[in-house]
PDB file of N, CA and C in Angstrom:
ATOM      1  N   MET A   1      21.500  -8.139 -22.674  1.00  0.00           N
ATOM      2  CA  MET A   1      21.013  -8.475 -21.350  1.00  0.00           C
ATOM      3  C   MET A   1      19.511  -8.746 -21.372  1.00  0.00           C
ATOM      4  N   LYS A   2      18.795  -8.059 -22.252  1.00  0.00           N
ATOM      5  CA  LYS A   2      17.356  -8.252 -22.358  1.00  0.00           C
ATOM      6  C   LYS A   2      17.027  -9.688 -22.758  1.00  0.00           C
ATOM      7  N   ALA A   3      17.839 -10.249 -23.647  1.00  0.00           N
ATOM      8  CA  ALA A   3      17.617 -11.622 -24.099  1.00  0.00           C
ATOM      9  C   ALA A   3      17.851 -12.617 -22.965  1.00  0.00           C
ATOM     10  N   VAL A   4      18.857 -12.370 -22.147  1.00  0.00           N
ATOM     11  CA  VAL A   4      19.156 -13.267 -21.027  1.00  0.00           C
ATOM     12  C   VAL A   4      18.005 -13.250 -20.025  1.00  0.00           C
ATOM     13  N   ARG A   5      17.442 -12.085 -19.794  1.00  0.00           N
ATOM     14  CA  ARG A   5      16.296 -11.987 -18.888  1.00  0.00           C
ATOM     15  C   ARG A   5      15.097 -12.738 -19.448  1.00  0.00           C
ATOM     16  N   ALA A   6      14.897 -12.647 -20.747  1.00  0.00           N
ATOM     17  CA  ALA A   6      13.790 -13.366 -21.382  1.00  0.00           C
ATOM     18  C   ALA A   6      14.002 -14.873 -21.271  1.00  0.00           C
ATOM     19  N   VAL A   7      15.230 -15.315 -21.441  1.00  0.00           N
ATOM     20  CA  VAL A   7      15.535 -16.741 -21.298  1.00  0.00           C
ATOM     21  C   VAL A   7      15.235 -17.190 -19.873  1.00  0.00           C
ATOM     22  N   ASN A   8      15.588 -16.367 -18.895  1.00  0.00           N
ATOM     23  CA  ASN A   8      15.330 -16.741 -17.504  1.00  0.00           C
ATOM     24  C   ASN A   8      13.827 -16.866 -17.242  1.00  0.00           C
ATOM     25  N   LEU A   9      13.016 -16.022 -17.848  1.00  0.00           N
ATOM     26  CA  LEU A   9      11.561 -16.171 -17.696  1.00  0.00           C
ATOM     27  C   LEU A   9      11.095 -17.521 -18.234  1.00  0.00           C
ATOM     28  N   GLY A  10      11.678 -17.934 -19.352  1.00  0.00           N
ATOM     29  CA  GLY A  10      11.362 -19.254 -19.897  1.00  0.00           C
ATOM     30  C   GLY A  10      11.802 -20.370 -18.965  1.00  0.00           C
ATOM     31  N   VAL A  11      12.973 -20.213 -18.377  1.00  0.00           N
ATOM     32  CA  VAL A  11      13.476 -21.213 -17.432  1.00  0.00           C
ATOM     33  C   VAL A  11      12.571 -21.278 -16.204  1.00  0.00           C
ATOM     34  N   LEU A  12      12.124 -20.132 -15.726  1.00  0.00           N
ATOM     35  CA  LEU A  12      11.209 -20.113 -14.578  1.00  0.00           C
ATOM     36  C   LEU A  12       9.947 -20.913 -14.876  1.00  0.00           C
ATOM     37  N   PHE A  13       9.408 -20.747 -16.061  1.00  0.00           N
ATOM     38  CA  PHE A  13       8.223 -21.503 -16.449  1.00  0.00           C
ATOM     39  C   PHE A  13       8.530 -22.993 -16.511  1.00  0.00           C
ATOM     40  N   LEU A  14       9.685 -23.340 -17.074  1.00  0.00           N
ATOM     41  CA  LEU A  14      10.050 -24.750 -17.188  1.00  0.00           C
ATOM     42  C   LEU A  14      10.289 -25.400 -15.835  1.00  0.00           C
ATOM     43  N   ILE A  15      10.822 -24.654 -14.862  1.00  0.00           N
ATOM     44  CA  ILE A  15      11.012 -25.278 -13.552  1.00  0.00           C
ATOM     45  C   ILE A  15       9.668 -25.443 -12.829  1.00  0.00           C
ATOM     46  N   GLU A  16       8.701 -24.590 -13.138  1.00  0.00           N
ATOM     47  CA  GLU A  16       7.353 -24.815 -12.601  1.00  0.00           C
ATOM     48  C   GLU A  16       6.803 -26.140 -13.129  1.00  0.00           C
ATOM     49  N   LEU A  17       6.954 -26.349 -14.424  1.00  0.00           N
ATOM     50  CA  LEU A  17       6.514 -27.612 -15.014  1.00  0.00           C
ATOM     51  C   LEU A  17       7.346 -28.780 -14.490  1.00  0.00           C
ATOM     52  N   GLY A  18       8.633 -28.535 -14.252  1.00  0.00           N
ATOM     53  CA  GLY A  18       9.506 -29.576 -13.720  1.00  0.00           C
ATOM     54  C   GLY A  18       9.089 -30.042 -12.336  1.00  0.00           C
ATOM     55  N   ALA A  19       8.648 -29.115 -11.500  1.00  0.00           N
ATOM     56  CA  ALA A  19       8.177 -29.496 -10.165  1.00  0.00           C
ATOM     57  C   ALA A  19       6.934 -30.378 -10.279  1.00  0.00           C
ATOM     58  N   LEU A  20       6.046 -30.037 -11.191  1.00  0.00           N
ATOM     59  CA  LEU A  20       4.848 -30.856 -11.399  1.00  0.00           C
ATOM     60  C   LEU A  20       5.220 -32.251 -11.919  1.00  0.00           C
ATOM     61  N   ALA A  21       6.154 -32.293 -12.858  1.00  0.00           N
ATOM     62  CA  ALA A  21       6.597 -33.581 -13.398  1.00  0.00           C
ATOM     63  C   ALA A  21       7.275 -34.417 -12.317  1.00  0.00           C
ATOM     64  N   ALA A  22       8.034 -33.779 -11.446  1.00  0.00           N
ATOM     65  CA  ALA A  22       8.746 -34.501 -10.394  1.00  0.00           C
ATOM     66  C   ALA A  22       7.792 -35.162  -9.415  1.00  0.00           C
ATOM     67  N   VAL A  23       6.767 -34.430  -8.968  1.00  0.00           N
ATOM     68  CA  VAL A  23       5.830 -35.033  -8.016  1.00  0.00           C
ATOM     69  C   VAL A  23       4.983 -36.111  -8.695  1.00  0.00           C
ATOM     70  N   SER A  24       4.714 -35.936  -9.975  1.00  0.00           N
ATOM     71  CA  SER A  24       3.990 -36.962 -10.711  1.00  0.00           C
ATOM     72  C   SER A  24       4.858 -38.218 -10.840  1.00  0.00           C
ATOM     73  N   TYR A  25       6.113 -38.044 -11.164  1.00  0.00           N
ATOM     74  CA  TYR A  25       7.053 -39.167 -11.264  1.00  0.00           C
ATOM     75  C   TYR A  25       7.129 -39.911  -9.935  1.00  0.00           C
ATOM     76  N   TRP A  26       7.209 -39.156  -8.851  1.00  0.00           N
ATOM     77  CA  TRP A  26       7.237 -39.772  -7.528  1.00  0.00           C
ATOM     78  C   TRP A  26       5.995 -40.634  -7.314  1.00  0.00           C
ATOM     79  N   GLY A  27       4.838 -40.098  -7.633  1.00  0.00           N
ATOM     80  CA  GLY A  27       3.590 -40.830  -7.420  1.00  0.00           C
ATOM     81  C   GLY A  27       3.508 -42.106  -8.231  1.00  0.00           C
ATOM     82  N   PHE A  28       3.926 -42.037  -9.482  1.00  0.00           N
ATOM     83  CA  PHE A  28       3.843 -43.208 -10.350  1.00  0.00           C
ATOM     84  C   PHE A  28       4.896 -44.263 -10.021  1.00  0.00           C
ATOM     85  N   THR A  29       5.970 -43.889  -9.333  1.00  0.00           N
ATOM     86  CA  THR A  29       7.032 -44.850  -9.028  1.00  0.00           C
ATOM     87  C   THR A  29       6.895 -45.476  -7.649  1.00  0.00           C
ATOM     88  N   ARG A  30       5.837 -45.153  -6.920  1.00  0.00           N
ATOM     89  CA  ARG A  30       5.622 -45.776  -5.607  1.00  0.00           C
ATOM     90  C   ARG A  30       5.308 -47.250  -5.795  1.00  0.00           C
ATOM     91  N   ASP A  31       5.775 -48.067  -4.865  1.00  0.00           N
ATOM     92  CA  ASP A  31       5.517 -49.500  -4.897  1.00  0.00           C
ATOM     93  C   ASP A  31       4.199 -49.780  -4.169  1.00  0.00           C
ATOM     94  N   VAL A  32       3.106 -49.399  -4.832  1.00  0.00           N
ATOM     95  CA  VAL A  32       1.767 -49.558  -4.262  1.00  0.00           C
ATOM     96  C   VAL A  32       0.868 -50.172  -5.334  1.00  0.00           C
ATOM     97  N   ALA A  33      -0.359 -50.443  -4.962  1.00  0.00           N
ATOM     98  CA  ALA A  33      -1.324 -50.972  -5.930  1.00  0.00           C
ATOM     99  C   ALA A  33      -1.467 -50.003  -7.100  1.00  0.00           C
ATOM    100  N   THR A  34      -1.775 -50.538  -8.252  1.00  0.00           N
ATOM    101  CA  THR A  34      -1.845 -49.732  -9.474  1.00  0.00           C
ATOM    102  C   THR A  34      -2.779 -48.536  -9.332  1.00  0.00           C
ATOM    103  N   ALA A  35      -3.943 -48.754  -8.777  1.00  0.00           N
ATOM    104  CA  ALA A  35      -4.905 -47.659  -8.633  1.00  0.00           C
ATOM    105  C   ALA A  35      -4.359 -46.558  -7.732  1.00  0.00           C
ATOM    106  N   LEU A  36      -3.709 -46.940  -6.647  1.00  0.00           N
ATOM    107  CA  LEU A  36      -3.129 -45.944  -5.748  1.00  0.00           C
ATOM    108  C   LEU A  36      -1.967 -45.220  -6.421  1.00  0.00           C
ATOM    109  N   GLY A  37      -1.189 -45.925  -7.206  1.00  0.00           N
ATOM    110  CA  GLY A  37      -0.101 -45.295  -7.961  1.00  0.00           C
ATOM    111  C   GLY A  37      -0.617 -44.229  -8.915  1.00  0.00           C
ATOM    112  N   TRP A  38      -1.714 -44.567  -9.590  1.00  0.00           N
ATOM    113  CA  TRP A  38      -2.333 -43.579 -10.485  1.00  0.00           C
ATOM    114  C   TRP A  38      -2.871 -42.382  -9.701  1.00  0.00           C
ATOM    115  N   LEU A  39      -3.483 -42.676  -8.557  1.00  0.00           N
ATOM    116  CA  LEU A  39      -4.010 -41.593  -7.720  1.00  0.00           C
ATOM    117  C   LEU A  39      -2.887 -40.665  -7.261  1.00  0.00           C
ATOM    118  N   LEU A  40      -1.784 -41.237  -6.819  1.00  0.00           N
ATOM    119  CA  LEU A  40      -0.641 -40.417  -6.388  1.00  0.00           C
ATOM    120  C   LEU A  40      -0.012 -39.680  -7.567  1.00  0.00           C
ATOM    121  N   GLY A  41       0.145 -40.383  -8.675  1.00  0.00           N
ATOM    122  CA  GLY A  41       0.782 -39.789  -9.855  1.00  0.00           C
ATOM    123  C   GLY A  41       0.007 -38.633 -10.453  1.00  0.00           C
ATOM    124  N   LEU A  42      -1.303 -38.679 -10.339  1.00  0.00           N
ATOM    125  CA  LEU A  42      -2.133 -37.590 -10.861  1.00  0.00           C
ATOM    126  C   LEU A  42      -2.574 -36.624  -9.768  1.00  0.00           C
ATOM    127  N   GLY A  43      -2.735 -37.129  -8.552  1.00  0.00           N
ATOM    128  CA  GLY A  43      -3.209 -36.291  -7.452  1.00  0.00           C
ATOM    129  C   GLY A  43      -2.162 -35.341  -6.910  1.00  0.00           C
ATOM    130  N   ALA A  44      -0.917 -35.794  -6.809  1.00  0.00           N
ATOM    131  CA  ALA A  44       0.147 -34.939  -6.256  1.00  0.00           C
ATOM    132  C   ALA A  44       0.354 -33.674  -7.094  1.00  0.00           C
ATOM    133  N   PRO A  45       0.468 -33.789  -8.420  1.00  0.00           N
ATOM    134  CA  PRO A  45       0.586 -32.539  -9.188  1.00  0.00           C
ATOM    135  C   PRO A  45      -0.689 -31.702  -9.151  1.00  0.00           C
ATOM    136  N   ALA A  46      -1.837 -32.350  -9.024  1.00  0.00           N
ATOM    137  CA  ALA A  46      -3.089 -31.595  -8.932  1.00  0.00           C
ATOM    138  C   ALA A  46      -3.099 -30.718  -7.680  1.00  0.00           C
ATOM    139  N   VAL A  47      -2.585 -31.251  -6.589  1.00  0.00           N
ATOM    140  CA  VAL A  47      -2.493 -30.463  -5.349  1.00  0.00           C
ATOM    141  C   VAL A  47      -1.570 -29.264  -5.562  1.00  0.00           C
ATOM    142  N   LEU A  48      -0.420 -29.486  -6.202  1.00  0.00           N
ATOM    143  CA  LEU A  48       0.493 -28.367  -6.459  1.00  0.00           C
ATOM    144  C   LEU A  48      -0.135 -27.327  -7.382  1.00  0.00           C
ATOM    145  N   ILE A  49      -0.882 -27.785  -8.371  1.00  0.00           N
ATOM    146  CA  ILE A  49      -1.546 -26.847  -9.289  1.00  0.00           C
ATOM    147  C   ILE A  49      -2.538 -25.972  -8.536  1.00  0.00           C
ATOM    148  N   VAL A  50      -3.315 -26.567  -7.655  1.00  0.00           N
ATOM    149  CA  VAL A  50      -4.291 -25.794  -6.871  1.00  0.00           C
ATOM    150  C   VAL A  50      -3.567 -24.779  -5.984  1.00  0.00           C
ATOM    151  N   LEU A  51      -2.495 -25.217  -5.332  1.00  0.00           N
ATOM    152  CA  LEU A  51      -1.729 -24.291  -4.484  1.00  0.00           C
ATOM    153  C   LEU A  51      -1.158 -23.143  -5.297  1.00  0.00           C
ATOM    154  N   TRP A  52      -0.636 -23.455  -6.485  1.00  0.00           N
ATOM    155  CA  TRP A  52      -0.073 -22.393  -7.335  1.00  0.00           C
ATOM    156  C   TRP A  52      -1.168 -21.422  -7.771  1.00  0.00           C
ATOM    157  N   ALA A  53      -2.333 -21.948  -8.114  1.00  0.00           N
ATOM    158  CA  ALA A  53      -3.444 -21.094  -8.528  1.00  0.00           C
ATOM    159  C   ALA A  53      -3.898 -20.182  -7.393  1.00  0.00           C
ATOM    160  N   LEU A  54      -3.890 -20.700  -6.179  1.00  0.00           N
ATOM    161  CA  LEU A  54      -4.348 -19.913  -5.032  1.00  0.00           C
ATOM    162  C   LEU A  54      -3.309 -18.903  -4.548  1.00  0.00           C
ATOM    163  N   PHE A  55      -2.033 -19.274  -4.561  1.00  0.00           N
ATOM    164  CA  PHE A  55      -1.019 -18.442  -3.915  1.00  0.00           C
ATOM    165  C   PHE A  55       0.139 -17.994  -4.804  1.00  0.00           C
ATOM    166  N   GLY A  56       0.400 -18.681  -5.918  1.00  0.00           N
ATOM    167  CA  GLY A  56       1.624 -18.397  -6.666  1.00  0.00           C
ATOM    168  C   GLY A  56       1.479 -17.692  -7.992  1.00  0.00           C
ATOM    169  N   SER A  57       0.346 -17.825  -8.648  1.00  0.00           N
ATOM    170  CA  SER A  57       0.216 -17.273  -9.997  1.00  0.00           C
ATOM    171  C   SER A  57       0.029 -15.754  -9.977  1.00  0.00           C
ATOM    172  N   GLN A  58       0.135 -15.168 -11.161  1.00  0.00           N
ATOM    173  CA  GLN A  58      -0.067 -13.730 -11.304  1.00  0.00           C
ATOM    174  C   GLN A  58      -1.484 -13.321 -10.907  1.00  0.00           C
ATOM    175  N   LYS A  59      -2.443 -14.205 -11.163  1.00  0.00           N
ATOM    176  CA  LYS A  59      -3.849 -13.916 -10.864  1.00  0.00           C
ATOM    177  C   LYS A  59      -4.341 -14.695  -9.650  1.00  0.00           C
ATOM    178  N   ALA A  60      -3.456 -14.952  -8.709  1.00  0.00           N
ATOM    179  CA  ALA A  60      -3.796 -15.756  -7.536  1.00  0.00           C
ATOM    180  C   ALA A  60      -4.891 -15.101  -6.708  1.00  0.00           C
ATOM    181  N   SER A  61      -5.721 -15.931  -6.119  1.00  0.00           N
ATOM    182  CA  SER A  61      -6.770 -15.428  -5.243  1.00  0.00           C
ATOM    183  C   SER A  61      -6.198 -14.781  -3.989  1.00  0.00           C
ATOM    184  N   TYR A  62      -5.116 -15.349  -3.497  1.00  0.00           N
ATOM    185  CA  TYR A  62      -4.450 -14.852  -2.289  1.00  0.00           C
ATOM    186  C   TYR A  62      -3.007 -14.526  -2.649  1.00  0.00           C
ATOM    187  N   LYS A  63      -2.751 -13.269  -2.981  1.00  0.00           N
ATOM    188  CA  LYS A  63      -1.409 -12.843  -3.393  1.00  0.00           C
ATOM    189  C   LYS A  63      -0.424 -13.001  -2.234  1.00  0.00           C
ATOM    190  N   THR A  64       0.746 -13.484  -2.560  1.00  0.00           N
ATOM    191  CA  THR A  64       1.816 -13.579  -1.563  1.00  0.00           C
ATOM    192  C   THR A  64       2.932 -12.641  -1.975  1.00  0.00           C
ATOM    193  N   ARG A  65       3.537 -11.996  -0.978  1.00  0.00           N
ATOM    194  CA  ARG A  65       4.617 -11.044  -1.236  1.00  0.00           C
ATOM    195  C   ARG A  65       5.689 -11.217  -0.178  1.00  0.00           C
ATOM    196  N   GLY A  66       6.873 -10.747  -0.514  1.00  0.00           N
ATOM    197  CA  GLY A  66       7.966 -10.715   0.446  1.00  0.00           C
ATOM    198  C   GLY A  66       8.362 -12.076   0.965  1.00  0.00           C
ATOM    199  N   ALA A  67       8.547 -12.155   2.279  1.00  0.00           N
ATOM    200  CA  ALA A  67       9.009 -13.386   2.922  1.00  0.00           C
ATOM    201  C   ALA A  67       7.996 -14.522   2.768  1.00  0.00           C
ATOM    202  N   VAL A  68       6.720 -14.202   2.759  1.00  0.00           N
ATOM    203  CA  VAL A  68       5.696 -15.237   2.585  1.00  0.00           C
ATOM    204  C   VAL A  68       5.816 -15.853   1.199  1.00  0.00           C
ATOM    205  N   ARG A  69       6.069 -15.024   0.194  1.00  0.00           N
ATOM    206  CA  ARG A  69       6.241 -15.521  -1.176  1.00  0.00           C
ATOM    207  C   ARG A  69       7.475 -16.416  -1.277  1.00  0.00           C
ATOM    208  N   VAL A  70       8.564 -15.983  -0.653  1.00  0.00           N
ATOM    209  CA  VAL A  70       9.790 -16.782  -0.667  1.00  0.00           C
ATOM    210  C   VAL A  70       9.533 -18.126   0.008  1.00  0.00           C
ATOM    211  N   GLY A  71       8.858 -18.113   1.143  1.00  0.00           N
ATOM    212  CA  GLY A  71       8.534 -19.352   1.838  1.00  0.00           C
ATOM    213  C   GLY A  71       7.657 -20.267   1.011  1.00  0.00           C
ATOM    214  N   PHE A  72       6.647 -19.691   0.373  1.00  0.00           N
ATOM    215  CA  PHE A  72       5.751 -20.483  -0.471  1.00  0.00           C
ATOM    216  C   PHE A  72       6.528 -21.141  -1.613  1.00  0.00           C
ATOM    217  N   GLU A  73       7.368 -20.366  -2.282  1.00  0.00           N
ATOM    218  CA  GLU A  73       8.121 -20.920  -3.406  1.00  0.00           C
ATOM    219  C   GLU A  73       9.150 -21.939  -2.943  1.00  0.00           C
ATOM    220  N   LEU A  74       9.749 -21.741  -1.784  1.00  0.00           N
ATOM    221  CA  LEU A  74      10.669 -22.756  -1.251  1.00  0.00           C
ATOM    222  C   LEU A  74       9.944 -24.075  -1.021  1.00  0.00           C
ATOM    223  N   LEU A  75       8.757 -23.998  -0.454  1.00  0.00           N
ATOM    224  CA  LEU A  75       7.977 -25.217  -0.225  1.00  0.00           C
ATOM    225  C   LEU A  75       7.508 -25.839  -1.537  1.00  0.00           C
ATOM    226  N   TRP A  76       7.053 -25.002  -2.460  1.00  0.00           N
ATOM    227  CA  TRP A  76       6.501 -25.508  -3.713  1.00  0.00           C
ATOM    228  C   TRP A  76       7.576 -26.173  -4.566  1.00  0.00           C
ATOM    229  N   PHE A  77       8.686 -25.464  -4.813  1.00  0.00           N
ATOM    230  CA  PHE A  77       9.760 -26.048  -5.610  1.00  0.00           C
ATOM    231  C   PHE A  77      10.510 -27.117  -4.812  1.00  0.00           C
ATOM    232  N   GLY A  78      10.560 -26.942  -3.494  1.00  0.00           N
ATOM    233  CA  GLY A  78      11.160 -27.958  -2.636  1.00  0.00           C
ATOM    234  C   GLY A  78      10.403 -29.274  -2.716  1.00  0.00           C
ATOM    235  N   ALA A  79       9.108 -29.210  -2.943  1.00  0.00           N
ATOM    236  CA  ALA A  79       8.316 -30.433  -3.111  1.00  0.00           C
ATOM    237  C   ALA A  79       8.804 -31.208  -4.330  1.00  0.00           C
ATOM    238  N   GLY A  80       9.159 -30.500  -5.382  1.00  0.00           N
ATOM    239  CA  GLY A  80       9.700 -31.167  -6.571  1.00  0.00           C
ATOM    240  C   GLY A  80      11.040 -31.821  -6.296  1.00  0.00           C
ATOM    241  N   VAL A  81      11.900 -31.106  -5.583  1.00  0.00           N
ATOM    242  CA  VAL A  81      13.216 -31.658  -5.227  1.00  0.00           C
ATOM    243  C   VAL A  81      13.041 -32.865  -4.313  1.00  0.00           C
ATOM    244  N   ALA A  82      12.199 -32.731  -3.293  1.00  0.00           N
ATOM    245  CA  ALA A  82      11.972 -33.827  -2.354  1.00  0.00           C
ATOM    246  C   ALA A  82      11.362 -35.039  -3.055  1.00  0.00           C
ATOM    247  N   ALA A  83      10.471 -34.799  -4.005  1.00  0.00           N
ATOM    248  CA  ALA A  83       9.852 -35.905  -4.732  1.00  0.00           C
ATOM    249  C   ALA A  83      10.890 -36.678  -5.537  1.00  0.00           C
ATOM    250  N   LEU A  84      11.820 -35.964  -6.162  1.00  0.00           N
ATOM    251  CA  LEU A  84      12.870 -36.644  -6.912  1.00  0.00           C
ATOM    252  C   LEU A  84      13.766 -37.451  -5.988  1.00  0.00           C
ATOM    253  N   PHE A  85      14.126 -36.880  -4.836  1.00  0.00           N
ATOM    254  CA  PHE A  85      14.912 -37.627  -3.854  1.00  0.00           C
ATOM    255  C   PHE A  85      14.161 -38.879  -3.411  1.00  0.00           C
ATOM    256  N   ALA A  86      12.877 -38.732  -3.092  1.00  0.00           N
ATOM    257  CA  ALA A  86      12.077 -39.856  -2.607  1.00  0.00           C
ATOM    258  C   ALA A  86      11.913 -40.936  -3.670  1.00  0.00           C
ATOM    259  N   ALA A  87      11.935 -40.534  -4.932  1.00  0.00           N
ATOM    260  CA  ALA A  87      11.801 -41.496  -6.023  1.00  0.00           C
ATOM    261  C   ALA A  87      13.135 -42.150  -6.363  1.00  0.00           C
ATOM    262  N   GLY A  88      14.210 -41.716  -5.692  1.00  0.00           N
ATOM    263  CA  GLY A  88      15.522 -42.313  -5.922  1.00  0.00           C
ATOM    264  C   GLY A  88      16.331 -41.658  -7.028  1.00  0.00           C
ATOM    265  N   ALA A  89      15.866 -40.543  -7.543  1.00  0.00           N
ATOM    266  CA  ALA A  89      16.573 -39.834  -8.611  1.00  0.00           C
ATOM    267  C   ALA A  89      17.442 -38.734  -7.995  1.00  0.00           C
ATOM    268  N   MET A  90      18.476 -39.154  -7.278  1.00  0.00           N
ATOM    269  CA  MET A  90      19.301 -38.214  -6.517  1.00  0.00           C
ATOM    270  C   MET A  90      19.979 -37.164  -7.405  1.00  0.00           C
ATOM    271  N   ALA A  91      20.574 -37.597  -8.504  1.00  0.00           N
ATOM    272  CA  ALA A  91      21.279 -36.662  -9.387  1.00  0.00           C
ATOM    273  C   ALA A  91      20.307 -35.642  -9.983  1.00  0.00           C
ATOM    274  N   TRP A  92      19.124 -36.108 -10.374  1.00  0.00           N
ATOM    275  CA  TRP A  92      18.115 -35.201 -10.915  1.00  0.00           C
ATOM    276  C   TRP A  92      17.642 -34.210  -9.856  1.00  0.00           C
ATOM    277  N   ALA A  93      17.526 -34.684  -8.627  1.00  0.00           N
ATOM    278  CA  ALA A  93      17.086 -33.808  -7.537  1.00  0.00           C
ATOM    279  C   ALA A  93      18.103 -32.696  -7.296  1.00  0.00           C
ATOM    280  N   VAL A  94      19.375 -33.051  -7.279  1.00  0.00           N
ATOM    281  CA  VAL A  94      20.432 -32.046  -7.067  1.00  0.00           C
ATOM    282  C   VAL A  94      20.453 -31.059  -8.231  1.00  0.00           C
ATOM    283  N   ALA A  95      20.361 -31.569  -9.452  1.00  0.00           N
ATOM    284  CA  ALA A  95      20.370 -30.694 -10.629  1.00  0.00           C
ATOM    285  C   ALA A  95      19.161 -29.763 -10.629  1.00  0.00           C
ATOM    286  N   PHE A  96      17.998 -30.291 -10.289  1.00  0.00           N
ATOM    287  CA  PHE A  96      16.787 -29.473 -10.253  1.00  0.00           C
ATOM    288  C   PHE A  96      16.884 -28.405  -9.174  1.00  0.00           C
ATOM    289  N   ALA A  97      17.402 -28.778  -8.013  1.00  0.00           N
ATOM    290  CA  ALA A  97      17.568 -27.806  -6.921  1.00  0.00           C
ATOM    291  C   ALA A  97      18.525 -26.690  -7.334  1.00  0.00           C
ATOM    292  N   ALA A  98      19.625 -27.046  -7.986  1.00  0.00           N
ATOM    293  CA  ALA A  98      20.592 -26.036  -8.428  1.00  0.00           C
ATOM    294  C   ALA A  98      19.977 -25.110  -9.472  1.00  0.00           C
ATOM    295  N   LEU A  99      19.246 -25.675 -10.425  1.00  0.00           N
ATOM    296  CA  LEU A  99      18.597 -24.863 -11.460  1.00  0.00           C
ATOM    297  C   LEU A  99      17.577 -23.915 -10.847  1.00  0.00           C
ATOM    298  N   CYS A 100      16.794 -24.415  -9.905  1.00  0.00           N
ATOM    299  CA  CYS A 100      15.812 -23.567  -9.217  1.00  0.00           C
ATOM    300  C   CYS A 100      16.504 -22.428  -8.480  1.00  0.00           C
ATOM    301  N   ALA A 101      17.561 -22.750  -7.757  1.00  0.00           N
ATOM    302  CA  ALA A 101      18.265 -21.734  -6.969  1.00  0.00           C
ATOM    303  C   ALA A 101      18.842 -20.641  -7.861  1.00  0.00           C
ATOM    304  N   VAL A 102      19.475 -21.017  -8.950  1.00  0.00           N
ATOM    305  CA  VAL A 102      20.088 -20.028  -9.847  1.00  0.00           C
ATOM    306  C   VAL A 102      19.011 -19.180 -10.514  1.00  0.00           C
ATOM    307  N   SER A 103      18.001 -19.820 -11.077  1.00  0.00           N
ATOM    308  CA  SER A 103      16.972 -19.087 -11.803  1.00  0.00           C
ATOM    309  C   SER A 103      16.160 -18.171 -10.891  1.00  0.00           C
ATOM    310  N   LYS A 104      15.785 -18.667  -9.716  1.00  0.00           N
ATOM    311  CA  LYS A 104      15.012 -17.835  -8.783  1.00  0.00           C
ATOM    312  C   LYS A 104      15.857 -16.682  -8.242  1.00  0.00           C
ATOM    313  N   THR A 105      17.147 -16.914  -8.021  1.00  0.00           N
ATOM    314  CA  THR A 105      18.033 -15.835  -7.574  1.00  0.00           C
ATOM    315  C   THR A 105      18.120 -14.748  -8.638  1.00  0.00           C
ATOM    316  N   LEU A 106      18.300 -15.151  -9.897  1.00  0.00           N
ATOM    317  CA  LEU A 106      18.330 -14.162 -10.972  1.00  0.00           C
ATOM    318  C   LEU A 106      17.002 -13.414 -11.091  1.00  0.00           C
ATOM    319  N   ALA A 107      15.903 -14.123 -10.888  1.00  0.00           N
ATOM    320  CA  ALA A 107      14.592 -13.485 -10.955  1.00  0.00           C
ATOM    321  C   ALA A 107      14.436 -12.430  -9.881  1.00  0.00           C
ATOM    322  N   VAL A 108      14.958 -12.693  -8.703  1.00  0.00           N
ATOM    323  CA  VAL A 108      14.900 -11.701  -7.623  1.00  0.00           C
ATOM    324  C   VAL A 108      15.782 -10.496  -7.951  1.00  0.00           C
ATOM    325  N   ILE A 109      16.977 -10.747  -8.418  1.00  0.00           N
ATOM    326  CA  ILE A 109      17.899  -9.662  -8.763  1.00  0.00           C
ATOM    327  C   ILE A 109      17.310  -8.801  -9.872  1.00  0.00           C
ATOM    328  N   TRP A 110      16.699  -9.450 -10.874  1.00  0.00           N
ATOM    329  CA  TRP A 110      16.161  -8.724 -12.024  1.00  0.00           C
ATOM    330  C   TRP A 110      14.698  -8.333 -11.822  1.00  0.00           C
ATOM    331  N   ARG A 111      14.128  -8.600 -10.680  1.00  0.00           N
ATOM    332  CA  ARG A 111      12.738  -8.271 -10.350  1.00  0.00           C
ATOM    333  C   ARG A 111      11.750  -8.812 -11.386  1.00  0.00           C
ATOM    334  N   GLN A 112      11.877 -10.101 -11.629  1.00  0.00           N
ATOM    335  CA  GLN A 112      10.990 -10.763 -12.607  1.00  0.00           C
ATOM    336  C   GLN A 112       9.837 -11.407 -11.889  1.00  0.00           C
TER     337      GLN A 112
END
């Protein structure tokens, strides 16, 4: 069981990176001028990184707990799901949402 919990910690990290990749993909796939596409593709994940640093990380400036933490993570990971939907990657969005739901549920049960 210890190994399964360790794997879930790895999955949690990968879905954090997946949310960043999803919003970046969304930004780069917009039908806009090249410069704006680059701005969206690099700016959208930068915004998520700042939010995670302020509210989500272990060393966050503003710690979130309980319902506020759940709300923050729903919005943060939901941004990745929404970005995939908006970019037209419906199957990837559903798969990412399912992976997030399972991994985060296990993390709550196992207090990770």
